[in-house]
Amino acid sequence: MNKFAEMHFFVAVVDAGSMSEAAKRLGTTKSMVSQRMQQLEQRLGVSLLARGRQMMVTEPGQIFYAHSARILAEVSEAENAVLAGQACMRGSLRIAAPMAFSIGHLAPMLARFASLHPELRIDVEADDRRVNLNDENYDLAIRLGTLQDSSLVAKRMAVNRHVICASPEYLAERGTPARPEDLQDHDGLLYVHREPHGMWQLPVDGEVRSFRIRNRMRTDSGHQLMAGARQGLGLAILPTFLCADAVASGALRIVLPEFAPSGGMVSAVYRQSHRASLKIQTLVNFLIEEIGYPPVWELPIQEQLQAVSSDRSEKTNF
């Protein structure tokens, strides 16, 4: 068995998280995969995998995986370069994406992408859970927020800006907070994945501080947060990709803009072994172009701000 084949088997095992799942993806048997791994370890003279109830990759295994994934990716990239002129986007592409971002923006973008590549089958799972690309058979995931250090390749596509907002009716009745300390006198709509303890983490003077706000509603749905805010239930922290139209129409107003928390980035992530994939690179480049800079969802807010500024200027000149 040649060394490239050994690398391919080993990378498949690490990516799949188990020999049985790797066997399914490789179209062979678990015993064959196990035999190949034993032969590889014997040839190298080190243990690459710690076998037990849960398979773990040893330190030498992590080093060998990183080099193997890079080498296989470079080989694939070389082949793609030769075939680029006649390459056709076909086969399947499995994508995991967050629900809220998919509904308003990603879904139509992926539909347009699919229409451009009729021989490509796209399988999209829209769910706010964070899938493990090494344990589940996804080609790519769209992630929101700050990414944790990992072996995955990450491509940043846009800033995920967040704002604090509320309905005009709520602010007229309860007043507009002038500083984060005022939040203790206000009702808050809490996102359970970000504020499990009922505290908002806001940037103040270059550091992040915690501020308590009354728990009016808790949810794991961004759309539920926005519906509650529009109904006048309280203050909410929302991504602009979700609330831009409501802010532009006046249904929601931004408060405490200088203390808005960071939402990180909108990123595409995929495994090292997929870094030379023509399908993935084509999709990522397409999404970056579709999103634009500034992001397309920010445009309604900018247009509204420009209109307000122009109106004020006309009144001043008059």
Protein backbone atom coordinates (compact mmCIF):
# COMPACT_ATOMS: atom_id res chain seq x y z
CA MET A 1 0.00 0.00 0.00
CA ASN A 2 1.56 3.33 -1.04
CA LYS A 3 2.08 6.21 1.32
CA PHE A 4 -0.56 8.43 -0.30
CA ALA A 5 -3.17 5.72 0.22
CA GLU A 6 -2.09 5.38 3.87
CA MET A 7 -2.46 9.13 4.34
CA HIS A 8 -5.89 9.03 2.70
CA PHE A 9 -7.08 6.26 5.03
CA PHE A 10 -5.68 7.96 8.14
CA VAL A 11 -7.16 11.38 7.31
CA ALA A 12 -10.52 9.71 6.64
CA VAL A 13 -10.43 8.02 10.06
CA VAL A 14 -9.62 11.26 11.89
CA ASP A 15 -12.21 13.27 9.95
CA ALA A 16 -14.89 10.62 10.54
CA GLY A 17 -14.08 10.19 14.23
CA SER A 18 -14.26 6.40 14.08
CA MET A 19 -13.07 3.52 11.93
CA SER A 20 -16.59 2.28 11.25
CA GLU A 21 -17.73 5.68 9.93
CA ALA A 22 -14.50 6.02 7.91
CA ALA A 23 -15.17 2.60 6.37
CA LYS A 24 -18.64 3.76 5.26
CA ARG A 25 -17.21 6.90 3.66
CA LEU A 26 -14.40 4.96 1.97
CA GLY A 27 -16.69 2.20 0.76
CA THR A 28 -14.80 -0.58 2.50
CA THR A 29 -15.00 -2.62 5.72
CA LYS A 30 -14.09 -1.64 9.26
CA SER A 31 -11.65 -4.56 9.48
CA MET A 32 -9.85 -3.34 6.36
CA VAL A 33 -9.53 0.19 7.79
CA SER A 34 -8.27 -1.21 11.11
CA GLN A 35 -5.72 -3.35 9.30
CA ARG A 36 -4.45 -0.36 7.29
CA MET A 37 -4.07 1.72 10.45
CA GLN A 38 -2.11 -1.03 12.18
CA GLN A 39 0.20 -1.37 9.18
CA LEU A 40 0.76 2.40 9.11
CA GLU A 41 1.59 2.54 12.84
CA GLN A 42 3.96 -0.42 12.50
CA ARG A 43 5.76 1.24 9.60
CA LEU A 44 6.12 4.55 11.46
CA GLY A 45 6.87 2.91 14.80
CA VAL A 46 4.46 5.13 16.75
CA SER A 47 0.84 5.01 17.92
CA LEU A 48 -1.29 7.44 15.94
CA LEU A 49 -4.63 6.53 17.50
CA ALA A 50 -5.57 5.81 21.12
CA ARG A 51 -8.24 3.14 20.88
CA GLY A 52 -10.90 2.84 23.56
CA ARG A 53 -14.55 3.66 24.16
CA GLN A 54 -13.86 6.87 22.25
CA MET A 55 -11.09 7.01 19.69
CA MET A 56 -8.52 9.73 20.34
CA VAL A 57 -5.69 11.02 18.17
CA THR A 58 -2.29 10.91 19.86
CA GLU A 59 0.18 13.79 19.67
CA PRO A 60 2.22 12.05 16.90
CA GLY A 61 -1.11 11.34 15.20
CA GLN A 62 -2.06 15.01 15.26
CA ILE A 63 1.27 15.92 13.68
CA PHE A 64 0.91 13.22 11.01
CA TYR A 65 -2.69 14.29 10.34
CA ALA A 66 -1.76 17.95 9.81
CA HIS A 67 0.99 17.06 7.32
CA SER A 68 -1.10 14.39 5.58
CA ALA A 69 -4.12 16.68 5.17
CA ARG A 70 -1.89 19.40 3.73
CA ILE A 71 -0.16 17.02 1.30
CA LEU A 72 -3.44 15.49 0.11
CA ALA A 73 -4.93 18.96 -0.31
CA GLU A 74 -1.93 20.04 -2.39
CA VAL A 75 -2.22 16.95 -4.58
CA SER A 76 -5.92 17.67 -5.09
CA GLU A 77 -5.13 21.31 -5.82
CA ALA A 78 -2.58 20.26 -8.43
CA GLU A 79 -5.14 18.02 -10.12
CA ASN A 80 -7.77 20.76 -10.02
CA ALA A 81 -5.31 23.20 -11.60
CA VAL A 82 -4.81 20.82 -14.52
CA LEU A 83 -8.52 20.13 -14.89
CA ALA A 84 -9.70 23.67 -14.18
CA GLY A 85 -10.44 24.40 -17.82
CA GLN A 86 -12.78 21.44 -18.12
CA ALA A 87 -13.91 21.05 -14.52
CA CYS A 88 -17.64 20.73 -13.99
CA MET A 89 -19.42 21.34 -10.69
CA ARG A 90 -21.16 18.04 -10.07
CA GLY A 91 -21.75 15.61 -7.24
CA SER A 92 -23.00 16.58 -3.79
CA LEU A 93 -22.24 19.34 -1.30
CA ARG A 94 -23.56 19.03 2.27
CA ILE A 95 -23.84 22.29 4.23
CA ALA A 96 -24.75 23.11 7.84
CA ALA A 97 -26.00 26.64 8.54
CA PRO A 98 -27.69 28.58 11.39
CA MET A 99 -31.46 28.84 11.07
CA ALA A 100 -31.92 32.61 11.50
CA PHE A 101 -29.23 33.52 8.98
CA SER A 102 -30.51 30.95 6.49
CA ILE A 103 -34.11 32.17 6.41
CA GLY A 104 -33.45 35.77 5.47
CA HIS A 105 -30.20 35.63 3.52
CA LEU A 106 -28.40 32.34 2.98
CA ALA A 107 -31.40 30.43 1.56
CA PRO A 108 -31.88 32.66 -1.52
CA MET A 109 -28.11 32.82 -2.05
CA LEU A 110 -27.82 29.03 -2.05
CA ALA A 111 -30.82 28.80 -4.39
CA ARG A 112 -29.07 31.12 -6.86
CA PHE A 113 -25.85 29.12 -6.50
CA ALA A 114 -27.71 25.86 -7.21
CA SER A 115 -29.30 27.35 -10.32
CA LEU A 116 -25.83 28.17 -11.66
CA HIS A 117 -24.64 24.57 -11.17
CA PRO A 118 -27.46 22.23 -12.23
CA GLU A 119 -25.35 19.08 -11.90
CA LEU A 120 -24.53 19.81 -8.24
CA ARG A 121 -26.76 18.34 -5.51
CA ILE A 122 -26.89 20.63 -2.47
CA ASP A 123 -27.94 19.24 0.92
CA VAL A 124 -28.57 22.01 3.46
CA GLU A 125 -29.33 21.53 7.16
CA ALA A 126 -30.55 24.78 8.74
CA ASP A 127 -30.21 24.40 12.49
CA ASP A 128 -28.73 26.56 15.24
CA ARG A 129 -26.82 23.63 16.74
CA ARG A 130 -23.08 23.67 16.05
CA VAL A 131 -22.26 20.53 14.10
CA ASN A 132 -18.92 18.78 14.50
CA LEU A 133 -17.40 18.60 11.04
CA ASN A 134 -14.97 15.92 12.18
CA ASP A 135 -17.74 13.66 13.50
CA GLU A 136 -20.52 14.33 11.01
CA ASN A 137 -20.44 14.06 7.25
CA TYR A 138 -20.67 17.74 6.31
CA ASP A 139 -18.51 19.37 3.67
CA LEU A 140 -18.86 22.91 5.02
CA ALA A 141 -20.54 24.86 7.81
CA ILE A 142 -21.53 28.51 8.08
CA ARG A 143 -20.65 29.85 11.52
CA LEU A 144 -21.65 33.08 13.29
CA GLY A 145 -19.61 34.68 16.05
CA THR A 146 -16.07 34.23 17.32
CA LEU A 147 -14.47 31.01 16.14
CA GLN A 148 -12.65 28.73 18.54
CA ASP A 149 -9.15 27.58 17.69
CA SER A 150 -9.34 24.27 15.86
CA SER A 151 -7.87 22.28 13.00
CA LEU A 152 -10.62 23.55 10.68
CA VAL A 153 -9.98 26.01 7.86
CA ALA A 154 -11.98 29.23 8.34
CA LYS A 155 -12.83 31.80 5.68
CA ARG A 156 -14.29 35.08 6.95
CA MET A 157 -17.10 36.40 4.77
CA ALA A 158 -18.58 39.38 6.66
CA VAL A 159 -18.78 41.16 10.01
CA ASN A 160 -21.72 39.94 12.11
CA ARG A 161 -22.65 43.30 13.67
CA HIS A 162 -25.01 43.35 16.65
CA VAL A 163 -27.14 46.22 18.02
CA ILE A 164 -29.26 46.82 21.12
CA CYS A 165 -32.77 47.81 20.13
CA ALA A 166 -36.38 48.16 21.24
CA SER A 167 -39.69 49.34 19.83
CA PRO A 168 -40.60 53.07 19.93
CA GLU A 169 -43.63 52.17 22.08
CA TYR A 170 -41.50 50.46 24.71
CA LEU A 171 -39.02 53.35 24.82
CA ALA A 172 -41.84 55.91 25.07
CA GLU A 173 -43.29 54.07 28.06
CA ARG A 174 -40.11 53.01 29.86
CA GLY A 175 -37.57 55.58 28.70
CA THR A 176 -34.38 55.19 26.69
CA PRO A 177 -31.33 53.89 28.62
CA ALA A 178 -28.44 56.35 28.51
CA ARG A 179 -25.77 54.04 29.90
CA PRO A 180 -25.42 50.28 30.54
CA GLU A 181 -26.11 50.73 34.27
CA ASP A 182 -29.65 51.79 33.34
CA LEU A 183 -30.41 48.28 32.03
CA GLN A 184 -31.26 47.04 35.53
CA ASP A 185 -34.47 49.09 35.30
CA HIS A 186 -35.46 47.59 31.94
CA ASP A 187 -37.00 44.37 30.65
CA GLY A 188 -34.73 42.24 28.52
CA LEU A 189 -35.23 39.57 25.88
CA LEU A 190 -32.47 37.01 26.41
CA TYR A 191 -30.82 34.66 23.95
CA VAL A 192 -30.12 31.49 25.94
CA HIS A 193 -26.97 30.56 24.00
CA ARG A 194 -25.39 33.95 24.77
CA GLU A 195 -26.96 35.02 28.10
CA PRO A 196 -27.69 31.83 30.10
CA HIS A 197 -27.39 33.68 33.44
CA GLY A 198 -29.50 36.73 32.58
CA MET A 199 -26.51 39.07 32.23
CA TRP A 200 -25.55 41.11 29.19
CA GLN A 201 -21.83 41.25 28.35
CA LEU A 202 -21.14 44.73 26.94
CA PRO A 203 -17.90 46.55 26.02
CA VAL A 204 -17.15 49.51 28.28
CA ASP A 205 -13.88 51.48 28.13
CA GLY A 206 -12.10 48.72 26.26
CA GLU A 207 -13.19 45.84 28.47
CA VAL A 208 -16.23 43.57 28.62
CA ARG A 209 -18.43 44.02 31.69
CA SER A 210 -21.58 42.28 32.89
CA PHE A 211 -24.89 44.10 33.34
CA ARG A 212 -28.09 42.67 34.74
CA ILE A 213 -31.38 43.20 32.95
CA ARG A 214 -34.83 41.93 33.92
CA ASN A 215 -35.72 38.64 32.30
CA ARG A 216 -38.90 39.26 30.28
CA MET A 217 -38.39 36.45 27.79
CA ARG A 218 -35.77 33.74 27.15
CA THR A 219 -35.44 31.91 23.84
CA ASP A 220 -33.02 30.11 21.55
CA SER A 221 -34.59 31.72 18.47
CA GLY A 222 -33.40 34.99 16.97
CA HIS A 223 -36.74 35.44 15.23
CA GLN A 224 -38.53 35.10 18.57
CA LEU A 225 -36.26 37.79 20.04
CA MET A 226 -37.11 40.18 17.21
CA ALA A 227 -40.83 39.43 17.43
CA GLY A 228 -40.74 40.18 21.15
CA ALA A 229 -38.83 43.41 20.62
CA ARG A 230 -41.26 44.59 17.92
CA GLN A 231 -44.16 43.78 20.24
CA GLY A 232 -42.71 46.11 22.87
CA LEU A 233 -41.75 43.44 25.41
CA GLY A 234 -38.30 44.87 26.10
CA LEU A 235 -34.75 45.44 24.90
CA ALA A 236 -33.00 42.87 22.74
CA ILE A 237 -29.53 42.33 21.30
CA LEU A 238 -30.01 41.43 17.64
CA PRO A 239 -27.74 40.85 14.64
CA THR A 240 -28.23 43.41 11.91
CA PHE A 241 -28.81 40.64 9.36
CA LEU A 242 -32.03 39.97 11.26
CA CYS A 243 -33.24 43.42 12.34
CA ALA A 244 -31.99 45.81 9.62
CA ASP A 245 -35.36 46.16 7.87
CA ALA A 246 -37.18 46.73 11.18
CA VAL A 247 -34.65 49.40 12.16
CA ALA A 248 -34.87 51.08 8.75
CA SER A 249 -38.69 51.15 8.87
CA GLY A 250 -38.74 52.58 12.40
CA ALA A 251 -40.33 49.48 13.94
CA LEU A 252 -37.21 49.16 16.11
CA ARG A 253 -34.80 51.81 17.36
CA ILE A 254 -31.14 51.31 18.21
CA VAL A 255 -30.09 52.34 21.74
CA LEU A 256 -26.69 52.44 23.45
CA PRO A 257 -24.92 52.09 20.07
CA GLU A 258 -21.46 52.67 21.57
CA PHE A 259 -21.96 49.70 23.92
CA ALA A 260 -23.19 47.16 21.37
CA PRO A 261 -21.51 43.77 21.87
CA SER A 262 -19.36 42.21 19.18
CA GLY A 263 -21.04 39.54 17.10
CA GLY A 264 -17.83 38.22 15.62
CA MET A 265 -17.87 37.20 11.98
CA VAL A 266 -19.89 35.28 9.44
CA SER A 267 -17.48 32.53 8.42
CA ALA A 268 -17.33 29.40 6.31
CA VAL A 269 -15.43 26.51 7.93
CA TYR A 270 -14.34 23.18 6.52
CA ARG A 271 -11.81 20.42 7.16
CA GLN A 272 -8.15 20.69 6.18
CA SER A 273 -8.60 17.75 3.84
CA HIS A 274 -11.24 19.78 1.91
CA ARG A 275 -9.20 22.94 1.45
CA ALA A 276 -8.58 22.26 -2.25
CA SER A 277 -12.18 21.30 -3.02
CA LEU A 278 -13.35 23.12 -6.15
CA LYS A 279 -16.98 22.96 -5.00
CA ILE A 280 -16.23 24.49 -1.59
CA GLN A 281 -13.97 27.24 -2.93
CA THR A 282 -16.50 28.13 -5.64
CA LEU A 283 -19.32 28.33 -3.09
CA VAL A 284 -17.33 30.42 -0.60
CA ASN A 285 -16.24 32.89 -3.28
CA PHE A 286 -19.84 33.11 -4.52
CA LEU A 287 -21.17 33.86 -1.00
CA ILE A 288 -18.52 36.54 -0.39
CA GLU A 289 -19.53 38.27 -3.62
CA GLU A 290 -23.25 37.92 -2.84
CA ILE A 291 -22.88 39.30 0.69
CA GLY A 292 -20.76 42.21 -0.45
CA TYR A 293 -19.00 44.90 1.55
CA PRO A 294 -20.64 46.35 3.49
CA PRO A 295 -22.92 43.32 3.88
CA VAL A 296 -26.10 43.56 1.83
CA TRP A 297 -28.27 43.43 4.97
CA GLU A 298 -26.61 46.61 6.32
CA LEU A 299 -27.76 48.69 3.35
CA PRO A 300 -31.30 49.48 4.64
CA ILE A 301 -29.84 50.92 7.85
CA GLN A 302 -27.28 53.01 5.96
CA GLU A 303 -29.93 54.32 3.56
CA GLN A 304 -32.16 55.26 6.50
CA LEU A 305 -29.31 57.07 8.27
CA GLN A 306 -28.42 58.94 5.07
CA ALA A 307 -32.06 59.99 4.63
CA VAL A 308 -32.26 61.28 8.20
CA SER A 309 -28.97 63.17 7.77
CA SER A 310 -30.16 64.70 4.48
CA ASP A 311 -33.48 65.74 6.03
CA ARG A 312 -31.71 67.43 8.94
CA SER A 313 -29.38 69.21 6.55
CA GLU A 314 -32.30 70.56 4.49
CA LYS A 315 -34.07 71.85 7.61
CA THR A 316 -30.89 73.55 8.81
CA ASN A 317 -30.35 75.26 5.45
CA PHE A 318 -33.97 76.37 5.41
